[in-house]
Structure formats: structure tokens, C-alpha cells
């Protein structure tokens, strides 16, 4: 292949300039930012759920231990 043609094809493939108008780029940027914020909120929500679940299981475990202790005393 002719090197000049190859360079032209390579330049087209490697052209990373954004395509579209600036308003579309702004909307895309806003959409990406909203997605990042939603993902962050989801991570925080999962963390809160895990923490509350752990506390609930700790309370249940303590209650079961107290109940088992009382049952043992009655024997």
C-alpha cells in the first residue's frame, strides 16, 4: 500500500476529536456526571444496607444467646 494512503487512513482511524456540536458534548458530559453520582449513591446505599443488616443480625444473635441462657437455667 502506498505510504501516503496508509498515513491518511491511519489519521482517520486515530482521529479522537469529539464529533458533534458543543451542546451535545455538554449534555453527554452532564449525563456521565449524573451516572457517576447515581453509582456513588448506590454504593453508599449498599453500604448503609450492609451496616444495618449487620446490626440487625447482632441484635438477633444477642437475643438468641439470652434466650438459650434462660432455657439452660430452666433445665
PDB file of N, CA and C in Angstrom:
ATOM      1  N   UNK A   1       0.849  -1.179   0.000  1.00  0.00           N
ATOM      2  CA  UNK A   1       0.000   0.000   0.000  1.00  0.00           C
ATOM      3  C   UNK A   1       0.891   1.237   0.000  1.00  0.00           C
ATOM      4  N   UNK A   2       0.438   2.226  -0.687  1.00  0.00           N
ATOM      5  CA  UNK A   2       1.160   3.488  -0.772  1.00  0.00           C
ATOM      6  C   UNK A   2       1.258   4.109   0.627  1.00  0.00           C
ATOM      7  N   UNK A   3       2.442   4.516   1.088  1.00  0.00           N
ATOM      8  CA  UNK A   3       2.586   5.083   2.438  1.00  0.00           C
ATOM      9  C   UNK A   3       1.733   6.318   2.658  1.00  0.00           C
ATOM     10  N   UNK A   4       1.530   7.128   1.658  1.00  0.00           N
ATOM     11  CA  UNK A   4       0.710   8.331   1.822  1.00  0.00           C
ATOM     12  C   UNK A   4      -0.739   7.948   2.094  1.00  0.00           C
ATOM     13  N   UNK A   5      -1.247   6.945   1.385  1.00  0.00           N
ATOM     14  CA  UNK A   5      -2.626   6.483   1.590  1.00  0.00           C
ATOM     15  C   UNK A   5      -2.742   5.861   2.971  1.00  0.00           C
ATOM     16  N   UNK A   6      -1.736   5.080   3.346  1.00  0.00           N
ATOM     17  CA  UNK A   6      -1.741   4.451   4.664  1.00  0.00           C
ATOM     18  C   UNK A   6      -1.776   5.505   5.762  1.00  0.00           C
ATOM     19  N   UNK A   7      -1.002   6.573   5.620  1.00  0.00           N
ATOM     20  CA  UNK A   7      -0.988   7.651   6.613  1.00  0.00           C
ATOM     21  C   UNK A   7      -2.346   8.338   6.710  1.00  0.00           C
ATOM     22  N   UNK A   8      -3.010   8.514   5.562  1.00  0.00           N
ATOM     23  CA  UNK A   8      -4.335   9.137   5.577  1.00  0.00           C
ATOM     24  C   UNK A   8      -5.337   8.234   6.296  1.00  0.00           C
ATOM     25  N   UNK A   9      -5.318   6.944   6.017  1.00  0.00           N
ATOM     26  CA  UNK A   9      -6.233   6.017   6.689  1.00  0.00           C
ATOM     27  C   UNK A   9      -5.944   5.972   8.186  1.00  0.00           C
ATOM     28  N   UNK A  10      -4.679   5.923   8.528  1.00  0.00           N
ATOM     29  CA  UNK A  10      -4.283   5.884   9.926  1.00  0.00           C
ATOM     30  C   UNK A  10      -4.738   7.151  10.645  1.00  0.00           C
ATOM     31  N   UNK A  11      -4.627   8.295  10.001  1.00  0.00           N
ATOM     32  CA  UNK A  11      -5.052   9.556  10.604  1.00  0.00           C
ATOM     33  C   UNK A  11      -6.562   9.546  10.843  1.00  0.00           C
ATOM     34  N   UNK A  12      -7.330   8.961   9.935  1.00  0.00           N
ATOM     35  CA  UNK A  12      -8.788   8.896  10.110  1.00  0.00           C
ATOM     36  C   UNK A  12      -9.157   7.975  11.263  1.00  0.00           C
ATOM     37  N   UNK A  13      -8.481   6.851  11.365  1.00  0.00           N
ATOM     38  CA  UNK A  13      -8.785   5.890  12.422  1.00  0.00           C
ATOM     39  C   UNK A  13      -8.407   6.450  13.781  1.00  0.00           C
ATOM     40  N   UNK A  14      -7.284   7.129  13.864  1.00  0.00           N
ATOM     41  CA  UNK A  14      -6.789   7.635  15.141  1.00  0.00           C
ATOM     42  C   UNK A  14      -7.296   9.019  15.478  1.00  0.00           C
ATOM     43  N   UNK A  15      -8.203   9.553  14.701  1.00  0.00           N
ATOM     44  CA  UNK A  15      -8.758  10.873  14.989  1.00  0.00           C
ATOM     45  C   UNK A  15      -9.684  10.745  16.192  1.00  0.00           C
ATOM     46  N   UNK A  16      -9.258  11.281  17.323  1.00  0.00           N
ATOM     47  CA  UNK A  16     -10.041  11.144  18.548  1.00  0.00           C
ATOM     48  C   UNK A  16     -10.791  12.428  18.898  1.00  0.00           C
ATOM     49  N   UNK A  17     -10.815  13.349  17.970  1.00  0.00           N
ATOM     50  CA  UNK A  17     -11.557  14.575  18.231  1.00  0.00           C
ATOM     51  C   UNK A  17     -13.034  14.250  18.375  1.00  0.00           C
ATOM     52  N   UNK A  18     -13.696  14.891  19.318  1.00  0.00           N
ATOM     53  CA  UNK A  18     -15.120  14.628  19.503  1.00  0.00           C
ATOM     54  C   UNK A  18     -15.918  15.064  18.282  1.00  0.00           C
ATOM     55  N   UNK A  19     -16.897  14.275  17.974  1.00  0.00           N
ATOM     56  CA  UNK A  19     -17.764  14.593  16.846  1.00  0.00           C
ATOM     57  C   UNK A  19     -19.098  15.103  17.396  1.00  0.00           C
ATOM     58  N   UNK A  20     -19.686  16.047  16.735  1.00  0.00           N
ATOM     59  CA  UNK A  20     -20.944  16.610  17.182  1.00  0.00           C
ATOM     60  C   UNK A  20     -20.760  18.028  17.676  1.00  0.00           C
ATOM     61  N   UNK A  21     -21.872  18.636  18.008  1.00  0.00           N
ATOM     62  CA  UNK A  21     -21.808  20.030  18.446  1.00  0.00           C
ATOM     63  C   UNK A  21     -21.412  20.108  19.913  1.00  0.00           C
ATOM     64  N   UNK A  22     -21.043  21.322  20.324  1.00  0.00           N
ATOM     65  CA  UNK A  22     -20.629  21.511  21.716  1.00  0.00           C
ATOM     66  C   UNK A  22     -21.785  21.283  22.668  1.00  0.00           C
ATOM     67  N   UNK A  23     -23.017  21.601  22.260  1.00  0.00           N
ATOM     68  CA  UNK A  23     -24.154  21.376  23.151  1.00  0.00           C
ATOM     69  C   UNK A  23     -24.346  19.893  23.400  1.00  0.00           C
ATOM     70  N   UNK A  24     -24.170  19.072  22.387  1.00  0.00           N
ATOM     71  CA  UNK A  24     -24.295  17.637  22.579  1.00  0.00           C
ATOM     72  C   UNK A  24     -23.210  17.146  23.529  1.00  0.00           C
ATOM     73  N   UNK A  25     -22.003  17.693  23.399  1.00  0.00           N
ATOM     74  CA  UNK A  25     -20.924  17.279  24.291  1.00  0.00           C
ATOM     75  C   UNK A  25     -21.224  17.665  25.728  1.00  0.00           C
ATOM     76  N   UNK A  26     -21.833  18.827  25.928  1.00  0.00           N
ATOM     77  CA  UNK A  26     -22.206  19.255  27.277  1.00  0.00           C
ATOM     78  C   UNK A  26     -23.245  18.302  27.849  1.00  0.00           C
ATOM     79  N   UNK A  27     -24.252  17.944  27.053  1.00  0.00           N
ATOM     80  CA  UNK A  27     -25.278  17.020  27.529  1.00  0.00           C
ATOM     81  C   UNK A  27     -24.691  15.648  27.823  1.00  0.00           C
ATOM     82  N   UNK A  28     -23.760  15.193  27.000  1.00  0.00           N
ATOM     83  CA  UNK A  28     -23.105  13.912  27.263  1.00  0.00           C
ATOM     84  C   UNK A  28     -22.304  13.976  28.550  1.00  0.00           C
ATOM     85  N   UNK A  29     -21.623  15.081  28.763  1.00  0.00           N
ATOM     86  CA  UNK A  29     -20.843  15.252  29.986  1.00  0.00           C
ATOM     87  C   UNK A  29     -21.764  15.269  31.209  1.00  0.00           C
ATOM     88  N   UNK A  30     -22.875  15.984  31.099  1.00  0.00           N
ATOM     89  CA  UNK A  30     -23.835  16.011  32.205  1.00  0.00           C
ATOM     90  C   UNK A  30     -24.400  14.620  32.468  1.00  0.00           C
ATOM     91  N   UNK A  31     -24.707  13.884  31.419  1.00  0.00           N
ATOM     92  CA  UNK A  31     -25.244  12.539  31.583  1.00  0.00           C
ATOM     93  C   UNK A  31     -24.222  11.632  32.265  1.00  0.00           C
ATOM     94  N   UNK A  32     -22.951  11.750  31.864  1.00  0.00           N
ATOM     95  CA  UNK A  32     -21.912  10.943  32.508  1.00  0.00           C
ATOM     96  C   UNK A  32     -21.774  11.309  33.987  1.00  0.00           C
ATOM     97  N   UNK A  33     -21.846  12.597  34.283  1.00  0.00           N
ATOM     98  CA  UNK A  33     -21.742  13.046  35.673  1.00  0.00           C
ATOM     99  C   UNK A  33     -22.921  12.522  36.489  1.00  0.00           C
ATOM    100  N   UNK A  34     -24.111  12.567  35.925  1.00  0.00           N
ATOM    101  CA  UNK A  34     -25.291  12.033  36.629  1.00  0.00           C
ATOM    102  C   UNK A  34     -25.141  10.540  36.877  1.00  0.00           C
ATOM    103  N   UNK A  35     -24.601   9.819  35.898  1.00  0.00           N
ATOM    104  CA  UNK A  35     -24.384   8.378  36.085  1.00  0.00           C
ATOM    105  C   UNK A  35     -23.387   8.132  37.206  1.00  0.00           C
ATOM    106  N   UNK A  36     -22.309   8.924  37.240  1.00  0.00           N
ATOM    107  CA  UNK A  36     -21.325   8.763  38.317  1.00  0.00           C
ATOM    108  C   UNK A  36     -21.960   9.053  39.675  1.00  0.00           C
ATOM    109  N   UNK A  37     -22.783  10.094  39.752  1.00  0.00           N
ATOM    110  CA  UNK A  37     -23.452  10.424  41.007  1.00  0.00           C
ATOM    111  C   UNK A  37     -24.412   9.311  41.420  1.00  0.00           C
ATOM    112  N   UNK A  38     -25.139   8.749  40.447  1.00  0.00           N
ATOM    113  CA  UNK A  38     -26.063   7.655  40.751  1.00  0.00           C
ATOM    114  C   UNK A  38     -25.310   6.420  41.235  1.00  0.00           C
ATOM    115  N   UNK A  39     -24.173   6.133  40.622  1.00  0.00           N
ATOM    116  CA  UNK A  39     -23.369   4.991  41.059  1.00  0.00           C
ATOM    117  C   UNK A  39     -22.835   5.209  42.467  1.00  0.00           C
ATOM    118  N   UNK A  40     -22.405   6.429  42.757  1.00  0.00           N
ATOM    119  CA  UNK A  40     -21.910   6.747  44.101  1.00  0.00           C
ATOM    120  C   UNK A  40     -23.037   6.603  45.123  1.00  0.00           C
ATOM    121  N   UNK A  41     -24.224   7.094  44.794  1.00  0.00           N
ATOM    122  CA  UNK A  41     -25.364   6.969  45.704  1.00  0.00           C
ATOM    123  C   UNK A  41     -25.712   5.497  45.921  1.00  0.00           C
ATOM    124  N   UNK A  42     -25.637   4.695  44.872  1.00  0.00           N
ATOM    125  CA  UNK A  42     -25.922   3.269  45.002  1.00  0.00           C
ATOM    126  C   UNK A  42     -24.894   2.592  45.903  1.00  0.00           C
ATOM    127  N   UNK A  43     -23.615   2.967  45.768  1.00  0.00           N
ATOM    128  CA  UNK A  43     -22.579   2.400  46.639  1.00  0.00           C
ATOM    129  C   UNK A  43     -22.846   2.750  48.094  1.00  0.00           C
ATOM    130  N   UNK A  44     -23.197   4.016  48.343  1.00  0.00           N
ATOM    131  CA  UNK A  44     -23.489   4.430  49.719  1.00  0.00           C
ATOM    132  C   UNK A  44     -24.711   3.697  50.260  1.00  0.00           C
ATOM    133  N   UNK A  45     -25.723   3.527  49.426  1.00  0.00           N
ATOM    134  CA  UNK A  45     -26.936   2.829  49.850  1.00  0.00           C
ATOM    135  C   UNK A  45     -26.624   1.374  50.202  1.00  0.00           C
ATOM    136  N   UNK A  46     -25.788   0.720  49.377  1.00  0.00           N
ATOM    137  CA  UNK A  46     -25.407  -0.668  49.676  1.00  0.00           C
ATOM    138  C   UNK A  46     -24.658  -0.752  50.998  1.00  0.00           C
ATOM    139  N   UNK A  47     -23.770   0.212  51.245  1.00  0.00           N
ATOM    140  CA  UNK A  47     -23.010   0.220  52.485  1.00  0.00           C
ATOM    141  C   UNK A  47     -23.933   0.383  53.687  1.00  0.00           C
ATOM    142  N   UNK A  48     -24.886   1.294  53.589  1.00  0.00           N
ATOM    143  CA  UNK A  48     -25.843   1.518  54.681  1.00  0.00           C
ATOM    144  C   UNK A  48     -26.672   0.256  54.911  1.00  0.00           C
ATOM    145  N   UNK A  49     -27.111  -0.386  53.833  1.00  0.00           N
ATOM    146  CA  UNK A  49     -27.897  -1.624  53.978  1.00  0.00           C
ATOM    147  C   UNK A  49     -27.085  -2.715  54.659  1.00  0.00           C
ATOM    148  N   UNK A  50     -25.820  -2.853  54.266  1.00  0.00           N
ATOM    149  CA  UNK A  50     -24.972  -3.878  54.883  1.00  0.00           C
ATOM    150  C   UNK A  50     -24.765  -3.595  56.365  1.00  0.00           C
ATOM    151  N   UNK A  51     -24.554  -2.325  56.713  1.00  0.00           N
ATOM    152  CA  UNK A  51     -24.353  -1.957  58.103  1.00  0.00           C
ATOM    153  C   UNK A  51     -25.604  -2.223  58.928  1.00  0.00           C
ATOM    154  N   UNK A  52     -26.756  -1.822  58.417  1.00  0.00           N
ATOM    155  CA  UNK A  52     -27.990  -2.050  59.171  1.00  0.00           C
ATOM    156  C   UNK A  52     -28.298  -3.544  59.274  1.00  0.00           C
ATOM    157  N   UNK A  53     -27.969  -4.288  58.247  1.00  0.00           N
ATOM    158  CA  UNK A  53     -28.169  -5.739  58.297  1.00  0.00           C
ATOM    159  C   UNK A  53     -27.267  -6.370  59.352  1.00  0.00           C
ATOM    160  N   UNK A  54     -26.018  -5.934  59.410  1.00  0.00           N
ATOM    161  CA  UNK A  54     -25.090  -6.467  60.415  1.00  0.00           C
ATOM    162  C   UNK A  54     -25.592  -6.161  61.822  1.00  0.00           C
ATOM    163  N   UNK A  55     -26.075  -4.944  62.042  1.00  0.00           N
ATOM    164  CA  UNK A  55     -26.608  -4.585  63.361  1.00  0.00           C
ATOM    165  C   UNK A  55     -27.827  -5.426  63.709  1.00  0.00           C
ATOM    166  N   UNK A  56     -28.690  -5.646  62.733  1.00  0.00           N
ATOM    167  CA  UNK A  56     -29.883  -6.463  62.974  1.00  0.00           C
ATOM    168  C   UNK A  56     -29.488  -7.889  63.360  1.00  0.00           C
ATOM    169  N   UNK A  57     -28.516  -8.469  62.641  1.00  0.00           N
ATOM    170  CA  UNK A  57     -28.072  -9.833  62.953  1.00  0.00           C
ATOM    171  C   UNK A  57     -27.391  -9.878  64.320  1.00  0.00           C
ATOM    172  N   UNK A  58     -26.673  -8.831  64.700  1.00  0.00           N
ATOM    173  CA  UNK A  58     -26.072  -8.792  66.032  1.00  0.00           C
ATOM    174  C   UNK A  58     -27.142  -8.780  67.109  1.00  0.00           C
ATOM    175  N   UNK A  59     -28.189  -7.973  66.915  1.00  0.00           N
ATOM    176  CA  UNK A  59     -29.284  -7.941  67.891  1.00  0.00           C
ATOM    177  C   UNK A  59     -29.969  -9.293  67.985  1.00  0.00           C
ATOM    178  N   UNK A  60     -30.214  -9.918  66.844  1.00  0.00           N
ATOM    179  CA  UNK A  60     -30.857 -11.231  66.837  1.00  0.00           C
ATOM    180  C   UNK A  60     -29.980 -12.267  67.530  1.00  0.00           C
ATOM    181  N   UNK A  61     -28.682 -12.205  67.281  1.00  0.00           N
ATOM    182  CA  UNK A  61     -27.748 -13.134  67.898  1.00  0.00           C
ATOM    183  C   UNK A  61     -27.725 -12.961  69.417  1.00  0.00           C
ATOM    184  N   UNK A  62     -27.693 -11.717  69.876  1.00  0.00           N
ATOM    185  CA  UNK A  62     -27.698 -11.453  71.318  1.00  0.00           C
ATOM    186  C   UNK A  62     -28.993 -11.944  71.945  1.00  0.00           C
ATOM    187  N   UNK A  63     -30.119 -11.708  71.280  1.00  0.00           N
ATOM    188  CA  UNK A  63     -31.406 -12.177  71.802  1.00  0.00           C
ATOM    189  C   UNK A  63     -31.425 -13.700  71.880  1.00  0.00           C
ATOM    190  N   UNK A  64     -30.940 -14.379  70.843  1.00  0.00           N
ATOM    191  CA  UNK A  64     -30.926 -15.841  70.837  1.00  0.00           C
ATOM    192  C   UNK A  64     -30.006 -16.370  71.938  1.00  0.00           C
ATOM    193  N   UNK A  65     -28.884 -15.696  72.175  1.00  0.00           N
ATOM    194  CA  UNK A  65     -27.969 -16.130  73.239  1.00  0.00           C
ATOM    195  C   UNK A  65     -28.640 -15.981  74.607  1.00  0.00           C
ATOM    196  N   UNK A  66     -29.324 -14.848  74.819  1.00  0.00           N
ATOM    197  CA  UNK A  66     -30.030 -14.663  76.095  1.00  0.00           C
ATOM    198  C   UNK A  66     -31.117 -15.704  76.273  1.00  0.00           C
ATOM    199  N   UNK A  67     -31.824 -15.991  75.229  1.00  0.00           N
ATOM    200  CA  UNK A  67     -32.907 -16.984  75.303  1.00  0.00           C
ATOM    201  C   UNK A  67     -32.332 -18.375  75.587  1.00  0.00           C
ATOM    202  N   UNK A  68     -31.233 -18.719  74.939  1.00  0.00           N
ATOM    203  CA  UNK A  68     -30.608 -20.019  75.171  1.00  0.00           C
ATOM    204  C   UNK A  68     -30.092 -20.115  76.612  1.00  0.00           C
ATOM    205  N   UNK A  69     -29.563 -19.001  77.131  1.00  0.00           N
ATOM    206  CA  UNK A  69     -29.087 -18.988  78.517  1.00  0.00           C
ATOM    207  C   UNK A  69     -30.239 -19.209  79.484  1.00  0.00           C
ATOM    208  N   UNK A  70     -31.364 -18.540  79.265  1.00  0.00           N
ATOM    209  CA  UNK A  70     -32.538 -18.728  80.132  1.00  0.00           C
ATOM    210  C   UNK A  70     -33.055 -20.146  80.049  1.00  0.00           C
ATOM    211  N   UNK A  71     -33.070 -20.704  78.839  1.00  0.00           N
ATOM    212  CA  UNK A  71     -33.537 -22.084  78.678  1.00  0.00           C
ATOM    213  C   UNK A  71     -32.597 -23.048  79.389  1.00  0.00           C
ATOM    214  N   UNK A  72     -31.316 -22.788  79.356  1.00  0.00           N
ATOM    215  CA  UNK A  72     -30.340 -23.648  80.033  1.00  0.00           C
ATOM    216  C   UNK A  72     -30.528 -23.596  81.537  1.00  0.00           C
ATOM    217  N   UNK A  73     -30.846 -22.400  82.053  1.00  0.00           N
ATOM    218  CA  UNK A  73     -31.064 -22.256  83.502  1.00  0.00           C
ATOM    219  C   UNK A  73     -32.290 -23.033  83.951  1.00  0.00           C
ATOM    220  N   UNK A  74     -33.296 -23.140  83.102  1.00  0.00           N
ATOM    221  CA  UNK A  74     -34.529 -23.854  83.477  1.00  0.00           C
ATOM    222  C   UNK A  74     -34.332 -25.363  83.493  1.00  0.00           C
ATOM    223  N   UNK A  75     -33.302 -25.868  82.861  1.00  0.00           N
ATOM    224  CA  UNK A  75     -33.063 -27.315  82.825  1.00  0.00           C
ATOM    225  C   UNK A  75     -32.472 -27.807  84.072  1.00  0.00           C
TER     226      UNK A  75
END
